Amino acid sequence: MTDEKIHSIRKKNNLMLGLVLIAFVVLVFSITIAKLMGGSTLEAYDHVRRPQLEETK
């Protein structure tokens, strides 16, 4: 294989990998935004006792 052919194959592979990484970042970002849209339902772990999470007898 010539250097030009190797260079073009590597460039194509790098572009494909870059697109996959960008797609992954967009997916994670969109899932995060979707979860934050319903912010009132989120409960953080803040070391506070919350009766609504305890079992009732």
N, C-alpha and C. Protein backbone atom coordinates (compact mmCIF):
# COMPACT_ATOMS: atom_id res chain seq x y z
N MET A 1 0.84 -1.18 0.00
CA MET A 1 0.00 0.00 0.00
C MET A 1 0.89 1.25 0.00
N THR A 2 0.41 2.22 -0.70
CA THR A 2 1.16 3.47 -0.74
C THR A 2 0.82 4.32 0.47
N ASP A 3 1.66 5.29 0.71
CA ASP A 3 1.44 6.20 1.83
C ASP A 3 0.14 7.00 1.67
N GLU A 4 -0.17 7.35 0.42
CA GLU A 4 -1.40 8.10 0.18
C GLU A 4 -2.63 7.27 0.52
N LYS A 5 -2.60 6.01 0.17
CA LYS A 5 -3.74 5.13 0.44
C LYS A 5 -3.90 4.92 1.95
N ILE A 6 -2.80 4.70 2.63
CA ILE A 6 -2.84 4.53 4.09
C ILE A 6 -3.36 5.80 4.75
N HIS A 7 -2.91 6.96 4.26
CA HIS A 7 -3.35 8.24 4.82
C HIS A 7 -4.85 8.42 4.62
N SER A 8 -5.36 8.09 3.45
CA SER A 8 -6.80 8.26 3.19
C SER A 8 -7.62 7.29 4.02
N ILE A 9 -7.15 6.07 4.22
CA ILE A 9 -7.87 5.10 5.05
C ILE A 9 -7.90 5.56 6.50
N ARG A 10 -6.77 6.03 7.00
CA ARG A 10 -6.72 6.53 8.39
C ARG A 10 -7.61 7.75 8.57
N LYS A 11 -7.61 8.62 7.58
CA LYS A 11 -8.46 9.81 7.67
C LYS A 11 -9.93 9.43 7.72
N LYS A 12 -10.32 8.47 6.88
CA LYS A 12 -11.70 8.01 6.87
C LYS A 12 -12.07 7.37 8.21
N ASN A 13 -11.18 6.54 8.74
CA ASN A 13 -11.44 5.90 10.02
C ASN A 13 -11.53 6.92 11.16
N ASN A 14 -10.67 7.91 11.13
CA ASN A 14 -10.70 8.95 12.16
C ASN A 14 -11.98 9.77 12.08
N LEU A 15 -12.44 10.07 10.88
CA LEU A 15 -13.69 10.80 10.73
C LEU A 15 -14.87 9.99 11.26
N MET A 16 -14.89 8.70 10.94
CA MET A 16 -15.97 7.85 11.43
C MET A 16 -15.96 7.76 12.95
N LEU A 17 -14.79 7.61 13.54
CA LEU A 17 -14.68 7.56 14.99
C LEU A 17 -15.13 8.89 15.61
N GLY A 18 -14.74 9.99 14.99
CA GLY A 18 -15.17 11.30 15.47
C GLY A 18 -16.68 11.45 15.43
N LEU A 19 -17.31 10.98 14.36
CA LEU A 19 -18.77 11.05 14.26
C LEU A 19 -19.45 10.20 15.33
N VAL A 20 -18.90 9.02 15.58
CA VAL A 20 -19.46 8.15 16.62
C VAL A 20 -19.33 8.82 17.99
N LEU A 21 -18.19 9.41 18.27
CA LEU A 21 -18.00 10.09 19.56
C LEU A 21 -18.93 11.30 19.71
N ILE A 22 -19.10 12.05 18.65
CA ILE A 22 -20.01 13.20 18.69
C ILE A 22 -21.44 12.71 18.91
N ALA A 23 -21.83 11.64 18.24
CA ALA A 23 -23.18 11.09 18.42
C ALA A 23 -23.39 10.64 19.86
N PHE A 24 -22.38 10.03 20.46
CA PHE A 24 -22.48 9.59 21.85
C PHE A 24 -22.63 10.78 22.79
N VAL A 25 -21.86 11.82 22.57
CA VAL A 25 -21.95 13.01 23.41
C VAL A 25 -23.33 13.65 23.29
N VAL A 26 -23.85 13.73 22.07
CA VAL A 26 -25.19 14.30 21.86
C VAL A 26 -26.24 13.44 22.56
N LEU A 27 -26.10 12.12 22.49
CA LEU A 27 -27.04 11.23 23.16
C LEU A 27 -27.03 11.44 24.67
N VAL A 28 -25.86 11.47 25.27
CA VAL A 28 -25.75 11.67 26.72
C VAL A 28 -26.29 13.05 27.11
N PHE A 29 -25.97 14.06 26.32
CA PHE A 29 -26.46 15.41 26.62
C PHE A 29 -27.98 15.48 26.54
N SER A 30 -28.56 14.86 25.51
CA SER A 30 -30.01 14.92 25.36
C SER A 30 -30.72 14.13 26.46
N ILE A 31 -30.15 13.02 26.89
CA ILE A 31 -30.74 12.27 28.01
C ILE A 31 -30.67 13.10 29.28
N THR A 32 -29.55 13.78 29.50
CA THR A 32 -29.41 14.63 30.67
C THR A 32 -30.42 15.76 30.66
N ILE A 33 -30.59 16.41 29.54
CA ILE A 33 -31.56 17.50 29.42
C ILE A 33 -32.97 16.96 29.65
N ALA A 34 -33.29 15.80 29.10
CA ALA A 34 -34.62 15.23 29.28
C ALA A 34 -34.89 14.92 30.74
N LYS A 35 -33.88 14.44 31.45
CA LYS A 35 -34.06 14.16 32.88
C LYS A 35 -34.21 15.45 33.68
N LEU A 36 -33.52 16.49 33.29
CA LEU A 36 -33.59 17.75 34.02
C LEU A 36 -34.89 18.51 33.76
N MET A 37 -35.58 18.21 32.68
CA MET A 37 -36.84 18.89 32.38
C MET A 37 -37.87 18.61 33.46
N GLY A 38 -37.87 17.43 34.03
CA GLY A 38 -38.78 17.11 35.12
C GLY A 38 -38.08 17.28 36.45
N GLY A 39 -37.52 18.44 36.69
CA GLY A 39 -36.69 18.70 37.86
C GLY A 39 -37.38 18.53 39.18
N SER A 40 -38.70 18.69 39.22
CA SER A 40 -39.40 18.56 40.49
C SER A 40 -39.41 17.12 40.98
N THR A 41 -39.22 16.17 40.07
CA THR A 41 -39.24 14.76 40.49
C THR A 41 -37.87 14.25 40.90
N LEU A 42 -36.84 15.05 40.68
CA LEU A 42 -35.50 14.62 41.05
C LEU A 42 -35.28 14.81 42.54
N GLU A 43 -34.66 13.83 43.17
CA GLU A 43 -34.33 13.95 44.58
C GLU A 43 -32.85 13.63 44.74
N ALA A 44 -32.12 14.58 45.22
CA ALA A 44 -30.68 14.40 45.38
C ALA A 44 -30.37 13.73 46.71
N TYR A 45 -29.22 13.12 46.78
CA TYR A 45 -28.76 12.50 48.01
C TYR A 45 -28.08 13.58 48.83
N ASP A 46 -28.83 14.15 49.77
CA ASP A 46 -28.32 15.30 50.51
C ASP A 46 -28.24 15.04 52.01
N HIS A 47 -28.26 13.77 52.43
CA HIS A 47 -28.10 13.38 53.83
C HIS A 47 -29.20 13.96 54.73
N VAL A 48 -30.39 14.07 54.18
CA VAL A 48 -31.53 14.56 54.96
C VAL A 48 -32.57 13.46 55.00
N ARG A 49 -33.12 13.24 56.16
CA ARG A 49 -34.15 12.21 56.31
C ARG A 49 -35.45 12.71 55.69
N ARG A 50 -36.01 11.88 54.78
CA ARG A 50 -37.25 12.25 54.11
C ARG A 50 -38.30 11.19 54.38
N PRO A 51 -39.36 11.55 55.03
CA PRO A 51 -40.40 10.59 55.38
C PRO A 51 -41.06 9.92 54.16
N GLN A 52 -41.13 10.61 53.04
CA GLN A 52 -41.80 10.04 51.87
C GLN A 52 -41.03 8.84 51.30
N LEU A 53 -39.76 8.69 51.68
CA LEU A 53 -38.98 7.57 51.18
C LEU A 53 -38.95 6.39 52.15
N GLU A 54 -39.45 6.59 53.34
CA GLU A 54 -39.42 5.51 54.34
C GLU A 54 -40.64 4.61 54.16
N GLU A 55 -40.45 3.36 54.54
CA GLU A 55 -41.54 2.40 54.46
C GLU A 55 -42.55 2.67 55.57
N THR A 56 -43.80 2.51 55.22
CA THR A 56 -44.85 2.66 56.25
C THR A 56 -45.25 1.29 56.74
N LYS A 57 -45.59 1.19 58.03
CA LYS A 57 -45.97 -0.12 58.60
C LYS A 57 -47.44 -0.24 58.79
